[in-house]
């Protein structure tokens, strides 16, 4: 089994590799220390049966990796392993297609059990998220593409760019995540400015949040591209 592990702390990555050998000594692990590197490995055509990713990393974060895999139509189970078990982060991972969320505070044996459960085709989330997981798997969530009260209806790609912008990604990072050119990202951004009647990224995100078009993850934006 080939596993892609994305973890920016090399000491943690080394410990995880040792732990994963307890599942199956035939496991092959490709370690990447940034999401950008991981996406380039994916784009090279190498196949993986499982992705393990940290949540908070410099540059593109773990949610960006989930979005990037979805845009590339990669049906690979992804387990987010994070030092935080805050509900908003778990929910965001769920809504972006994660198959599991494992807090780093779990004992090693429980982490291994959770990863093994996903490998075997299951899912692993804190019990309090069981209902939300079932709801999302049925496709019952409200789409950000639904027309809002103002009548404005951006396209799905524009909404995706908008959400990534809200999560603090630059145009270059968004282009890497979505798999489109930076020029195309700038085009979508300019169209969003027109649709929302704003002149900069911060105002664009704020207006979109007020209209209920996007959710807030990190809640940070940057004027710099």
Protein backbone atom coordinates (compact mmCIF):
# COMPACT_ATOMS: atom_id res chain seq x y z
CA UNK A 1 0.00 0.00 0.00
CA UNK A 2 1.26 3.46 -0.94
CA UNK A 3 0.54 6.26 1.54
CA UNK A 4 1.18 9.96 0.98
CA UNK A 5 1.97 11.76 4.23
CA UNK A 6 1.95 15.57 4.35
CA UNK A 7 3.50 16.97 7.52
CA UNK A 8 5.69 20.06 7.80
CA UNK A 9 7.40 18.97 11.05
CA UNK A 10 9.99 16.35 10.14
CA UNK A 11 10.20 14.94 13.66
CA UNK A 12 6.45 14.29 13.65
CA UNK A 13 6.68 12.86 10.13
CA UNK A 14 9.42 10.44 11.24
CA UNK A 15 7.37 9.34 14.26
CA UNK A 16 4.30 8.81 12.07
CA UNK A 17 6.25 6.65 9.65
CA UNK A 18 7.42 4.42 12.49
CA UNK A 19 3.86 4.16 13.81
CA UNK A 20 2.43 3.30 10.39
CA UNK A 21 4.70 0.26 10.06
CA UNK A 22 2.68 -1.24 12.92
CA UNK A 23 -0.33 -1.40 10.59
CA UNK A 24 1.47 -3.28 7.84
CA UNK A 25 5.21 -3.60 7.25
CA UNK A 26 4.58 -3.61 3.49
CA UNK A 27 3.34 0.00 3.56
CA UNK A 28 5.35 2.42 1.43
CA UNK A 29 5.28 6.02 2.63
CA UNK A 30 6.01 9.11 0.54
CA UNK A 31 6.62 12.03 2.88
CA UNK A 32 6.03 15.60 1.76
CA UNK A 33 6.77 18.57 3.97
CA UNK A 34 4.39 21.01 2.27
CA UNK A 35 1.06 20.88 0.46
CA UNK A 36 2.65 22.39 -2.63
CA UNK A 37 5.09 19.48 -2.78
CA UNK A 38 2.29 16.97 -2.19
CA UNK A 39 0.20 18.38 -5.05
CA UNK A 40 3.20 18.23 -7.38
CA UNK A 41 3.72 14.56 -6.46
CA UNK A 42 0.03 13.89 -7.15
CA UNK A 43 0.30 15.69 -10.48
CA UNK A 44 3.29 13.54 -11.43
CA UNK A 45 0.92 10.57 -11.68
CA UNK A 46 2.06 8.58 -8.67
CA UNK A 47 -0.83 6.59 -7.18
CA UNK A 48 -1.74 6.43 -3.51
CA UNK A 49 -4.31 4.45 -1.55
CA UNK A 50 -4.36 6.85 1.40
CA UNK A 51 -3.36 10.43 2.21
CA UNK A 52 -2.51 11.56 5.73
CA UNK A 53 -2.20 15.31 6.18
CA UNK A 54 -1.58 17.81 8.92
CA UNK A 55 -4.12 20.63 9.12
CA UNK A 56 -2.06 23.72 9.88
CA UNK A 57 0.96 24.19 7.62
CA UNK A 58 2.74 27.20 6.13
CA UNK A 59 1.46 28.20 2.71
CA UNK A 60 -1.37 25.95 1.59
CA UNK A 61 -2.97 24.12 4.52
CA UNK A 62 -4.59 20.70 4.83
CA UNK A 63 -7.98 21.98 3.72
CA UNK A 64 -6.30 23.34 0.59
CA UNK A 65 -4.97 19.84 -0.06
CA UNK A 66 -8.48 18.39 0.23
CA UNK A 67 -9.78 20.97 -2.23
CA UNK A 68 -6.87 20.32 -4.59
CA UNK A 69 -7.49 16.58 -4.63
CA UNK A 70 -11.20 17.10 -5.29
CA UNK A 71 -10.45 19.42 -8.21
CA UNK A 72 -8.17 16.80 -9.67
CA UNK A 73 -10.92 14.16 -9.31
CA UNK A 74 -8.67 12.06 -7.08
CA UNK A 75 -10.83 9.60 -5.16
CA UNK A 76 -8.25 8.99 -2.44
CA UNK A 77 -9.29 8.68 1.22
CA UNK A 78 -7.78 11.54 3.21
CA UNK A 79 -7.26 11.52 6.98
CA UNK A 80 -6.56 14.85 8.65
CA UNK A 81 -4.29 14.53 11.68
CA UNK A 82 -4.25 17.71 13.75
CA UNK A 83 -3.12 19.11 17.06
CA UNK A 84 -6.56 20.75 17.33
CA UNK A 85 -9.91 19.03 17.77
CA UNK A 86 -11.91 22.26 17.52
CA UNK A 87 -15.35 21.55 16.09
CA UNK A 88 -15.06 24.16 13.32
CA UNK A 89 -11.94 22.53 11.91
CA UNK A 90 -13.41 19.05 12.01
CA UNK A 91 -16.56 20.29 10.31
CA UNK A 92 -14.52 22.06 7.61
CA UNK A 93 -12.53 18.88 6.96
CA UNK A 94 -15.75 16.88 6.71
CA UNK A 95 -17.37 19.34 4.34
CA UNK A 96 -14.31 19.23 2.10
CA UNK A 97 -14.30 15.46 1.72
CA UNK A 98 -12.06 14.08 4.47
CA UNK A 99 -12.58 10.42 5.37
CA UNK A 100 -11.19 10.87 8.85
CA UNK A 101 -10.05 13.38 11.45
CA UNK A 102 -7.63 12.23 14.13
CA UNK A 103 -6.50 14.59 16.92
CA UNK A 104 -2.81 14.21 17.73
CA UNK A 105 -3.78 13.96 21.38
CA UNK A 106 -5.15 10.45 20.81
CA UNK A 107 -3.02 7.57 22.12
CA UNK A 108 -0.96 5.87 19.44
CA UNK A 109 -3.05 2.69 19.51
CA UNK A 110 -6.25 4.67 18.86
CA UNK A 111 -4.61 6.62 16.03
CA UNK A 112 -3.54 3.36 14.40
CA UNK A 113 -7.05 1.94 14.84
CA UNK A 114 -8.57 5.02 13.20
CA UNK A 115 -6.19 4.92 10.23
CA UNK A 116 -6.75 1.18 9.81
CA UNK A 117 -10.52 1.78 9.82
CA UNK A 118 -10.17 4.23 6.91
CA UNK A 119 -7.82 1.88 5.03
CA UNK A 120 -10.48 -0.81 5.29
CA UNK A 121 -13.05 1.47 3.67
CA UNK A 122 -14.55 3.03 6.78
CA UNK A 123 -14.48 6.50 8.25
CA UNK A 124 -13.14 7.86 11.51
CA UNK A 125 -14.40 11.02 13.18
CA UNK A 126 -15.15 12.02 16.78
CA UNK A 127 -18.52 10.55 17.75
CA UNK A 128 -20.15 13.97 18.09
CA UNK A 129 -19.81 14.37 14.30
CA UNK A 130 -21.53 11.13 13.33
CA UNK A 131 -24.81 12.85 12.43
CA UNK A 132 -23.10 15.53 10.33
CA UNK A 133 -21.02 12.89 8.57
CA UNK A 134 -24.16 10.93 7.65
CA UNK A 135 -25.89 14.12 6.49
CA UNK A 136 -23.02 15.14 4.22
CA UNK A 137 -22.69 11.64 2.78
CA UNK A 138 -26.38 11.81 1.80
CA UNK A 139 -25.67 15.10 0.04
CA UNK A 140 -28.00 17.08 2.31
CA UNK A 141 -25.73 20.08 2.88
CA UNK A 142 -26.64 23.53 1.59
CA UNK A 143 -24.56 24.45 -1.42
CA UNK A 144 -22.69 27.73 -1.39
CA UNK A 145 -23.79 28.05 -5.01
CA UNK A 146 -27.44 28.55 -4.10
CA UNK A 147 -28.83 31.90 -5.11
CA UNK A 148 -28.99 34.26 -2.15
CA UNK A 149 -31.44 36.95 -1.25
CA UNK A 150 -29.73 39.56 -3.41
CA UNK A 151 -30.19 37.47 -6.57
CA UNK A 152 -26.43 37.28 -7.15
CA UNK A 153 -25.28 33.82 -8.19
CA UNK A 154 -21.55 33.25 -8.77
CA UNK A 155 -20.47 30.10 -10.55
CA UNK A 156 -19.10 27.11 -8.66
CA UNK A 157 -15.51 27.86 -9.67
CA UNK A 158 -15.87 31.47 -8.55
CA UNK A 159 -17.27 30.33 -5.21
CA UNK A 160 -14.36 27.97 -4.79
CA UNK A 161 -11.88 30.75 -5.49
CA UNK A 162 -13.82 32.95 -3.07
CA UNK A 163 -13.66 30.36 -0.28
CA UNK A 164 -9.94 29.80 -0.79
CA UNK A 165 -9.45 33.55 -0.74
CA UNK A 166 -11.31 33.71 2.57
CA UNK A 167 -9.03 30.99 3.95
CA UNK A 168 -6.07 33.30 3.36
CA UNK A 169 -4.62 31.81 0.17
CA UNK A 170 -2.85 34.03 -2.36
CA UNK A 171 -3.66 33.89 -6.07
CA UNK A 172 -0.61 31.69 -6.64
CA UNK A 173 -1.68 29.27 -3.91
CA UNK A 174 -5.25 29.17 -5.24
CA UNK A 175 -3.95 28.34 -8.72
CA UNK A 176 -1.93 25.45 -7.24
CA UNK A 177 -4.89 24.12 -5.27
CA UNK A 178 -7.52 24.38 -7.98
CA UNK A 179 -5.21 23.42 -10.84
CA UNK A 180 -5.82 26.51 -12.97
CA UNK A 181 -3.51 29.29 -14.12
CA UNK A 182 -2.87 32.31 -11.93
CA UNK A 183 -4.32 34.47 -14.72
CA UNK A 184 -7.58 32.51 -14.51
CA UNK A 185 -7.67 33.03 -10.74
CA UNK A 186 -7.26 36.77 -11.28
CA UNK A 187 -10.08 36.71 -13.84
CA UNK A 188 -12.43 34.98 -11.38
CA UNK A 189 -11.39 37.44 -8.68
CA UNK A 190 -12.13 40.43 -10.87
CA UNK A 191 -15.54 38.99 -11.74
CA UNK A 192 -16.29 38.49 -8.05
CA UNK A 193 -15.36 42.11 -7.34
CA UNK A 194 -17.92 43.19 -9.95
CA UNK A 195 -20.64 40.83 -8.72
CA UNK A 196 -20.21 41.89 -5.11
CA UNK A 197 -19.61 45.57 -5.82
CA UNK A 198 -16.24 45.72 -4.03
CA UNK A 199 -12.71 46.83 -4.89
CA UNK A 200 -10.38 44.57 -2.89
CA UNK A 201 -10.03 41.05 -1.49
CA UNK A 202 -10.83 41.92 2.13
CA UNK A 203 -14.08 43.66 1.20
CA UNK A 204 -14.92 40.83 -1.20
CA UNK A 205 -14.60 38.19 1.52
CA UNK A 206 -16.46 40.28 4.08
CA UNK A 207 -19.35 40.93 1.69
CA UNK A 208 -19.52 37.25 0.70
CA UNK A 209 -19.65 36.17 4.33
CA UNK A 210 -22.40 38.68 5.08
CA UNK A 211 -24.43 37.28 2.18
CA UNK A 212 -23.88 33.71 3.40
CA UNK A 213 -21.99 32.64 0.31
CA UNK A 214 -18.97 31.22 2.12
CA UNK A 215 -17.92 29.99 5.51
CA UNK A 216 -15.05 31.25 7.62
CA UNK A 217 -12.13 28.90 8.32
CA UNK A 218 -9.09 30.89 9.35
CA UNK A 219 -10.85 34.16 8.61
CA UNK A 220 -7.72 35.81 7.25
CA UNK A 221 -7.18 37.43 3.90
CA UNK A 222 -4.27 39.12 2.29
CA UNK A 223 -4.17 41.99 -0.13
CA UNK A 224 -0.87 40.66 -1.46
CA UNK A 225 -0.91 38.15 -4.31
